Protein backbone atom coordinates (compact mmCIF):
# COMPACT_ATOMS: atom_id res chain seq x y z
CA MET A 1 11.17 7.84 21.74
CA LYS A 2 13.59 5.15 20.32
CA ALA A 3 12.81 3.51 16.67
CA GLN A 4 13.23 0.33 15.37
CA GLU A 5 12.69 -0.71 11.67
CA VAL A 6 10.99 -3.99 10.54
CA MET A 7 9.37 -5.65 7.80
CA GLY A 8 6.01 -7.22 7.96
CA THR A 9 2.97 -8.63 6.31
CA VAL A 10 -0.50 -6.97 6.52
CA ASP A 11 -3.76 -9.47 5.96
CA LYS A 12 -6.41 -9.62 4.20
CA ASN A 13 -8.33 -8.74 7.54
CA GLY A 14 -6.32 -5.87 7.86
CA GLN A 15 -3.75 -7.73 11.02
CA LEU A 16 -0.36 -6.19 11.02
CA SER A 17 2.57 -9.52 11.35
CA LEU A 18 6.25 -8.67 12.11
CA ASP A 19 8.73 -10.75 10.26
CA LYS A 20 10.52 -10.85 13.24
CA PRO A 21 10.34 -10.17 16.84
CA LEU A 22 11.13 -6.38 18.67
CA ALA A 23 13.71 -5.97 20.26
CA VAL A 24 12.46 -4.67 23.45
CA GLN A 25 13.49 -4.87 26.68
CA LYS A 26 10.09 -4.55 28.59
CA GLN A 27 6.29 -4.72 27.61
CA SER A 28 4.79 -1.54 26.83
CA ARG A 29 2.45 0.18 24.19
CA VAL A 30 4.09 1.23 20.82
CA ARG A 31 3.43 4.10 18.35
CA VAL A 32 3.14 2.01 15.22
CA ILE A 33 3.70 4.05 11.64
CA VAL A 34 3.31 1.79 8.67
CA LEU A 35 4.89 2.72 5.44
CA PHE A 36 3.07 0.76 2.26
CA ASP A 37 5.60 0.14 -0.95
CA GLU A 38 3.76 1.94 -3.82
CA GLU A 39 5.21 0.84 -6.32
CA GLU A 40 4.54 -3.39 -5.60
CA MET A 41 0.87 -2.14 -4.61
CA ASP A 42 0.50 -0.25 -7.62
CA GLU A 43 2.43 -2.59 -10.17
CA ASP A 44 -0.01 -5.10 -10.35
CA ASP A 45 -3.02 -2.89 -10.36
CA GLU A 46 -1.38 -0.70 -13.19
CA SER A 47 -0.15 -3.39 -15.28
CA LYS A 48 -3.11 -5.60 -15.01
CA GLU A 49 -5.38 -2.82 -16.43
CA ALA A 50 -2.50 -2.18 -18.76
CA VAL A 51 -2.55 -5.21 -20.24
CA LEU A 52 -6.23 -5.55 -20.39
CA GLU A 53 -6.38 -1.87 -22.33
CA SER A 54 -4.08 -3.31 -24.84
CA LEU A 55 -6.03 -6.74 -25.23
CA ARG A 56 -9.27 -4.21 -25.69
CA LYS A 57 -7.05 -2.25 -28.49
CA SER A 58 -5.42 -4.91 -30.16
CA LEU A 59 -8.76 -6.88 -30.27
CA GLY A 60 -10.54 -3.69 -31.56
CA GLU A 61 -7.73 -3.30 -34.15
CA ALA A 62 -8.19 -6.73 -35.59
CA LYS A 63 -12.20 -6.60 -35.90
CA ALA A 64 -11.60 -3.41 -38.00
CA GLY A 65 -9.40 -5.82 -40.25
CA LYS A 66 -6.43 -3.74 -39.26
CA THR A 67 -4.43 -6.54 -39.25
CA ARG A 68 -0.75 -7.56 -40.99
CA PRO A 69 0.59 -10.69 -42.27
CA ILE A 70 2.87 -12.47 -39.64
CA SER A 71 5.66 -12.76 -42.12
CA GLU A 72 5.80 -8.98 -42.00
CA LEU A 73 6.41 -9.19 -38.06
CA TRP A 74 9.79 -10.92 -38.67
CA ASP A 75 11.05 -7.82 -41.07
CA GLY A 76 13.88 -6.60 -39.08
CA ILE A 77 14.22 -9.09 -36.06
CA ASP A 78 17.70 -10.21 -36.11
CA VAL A 79 17.83 -13.50 -34.43
CA GLU A 80 21.64 -14.94 -33.33
């Protein structure tokens, strides 16, 4: 077997579309192994969930009166 590496996209229907044609000399069947970029896939889901959790926590703290004056938030920040 001979191998080639190409990038592509899987659409919402699960169909694979290659970014460029394969370099082949004759028509033939192929074995396809798809490697997903886990960081790219999980990053969006995790970051959305992390943002939502942070917002839930902040809202709960605000409702409980656990707030600080905005002037305190600037203490220690050096602005150039």
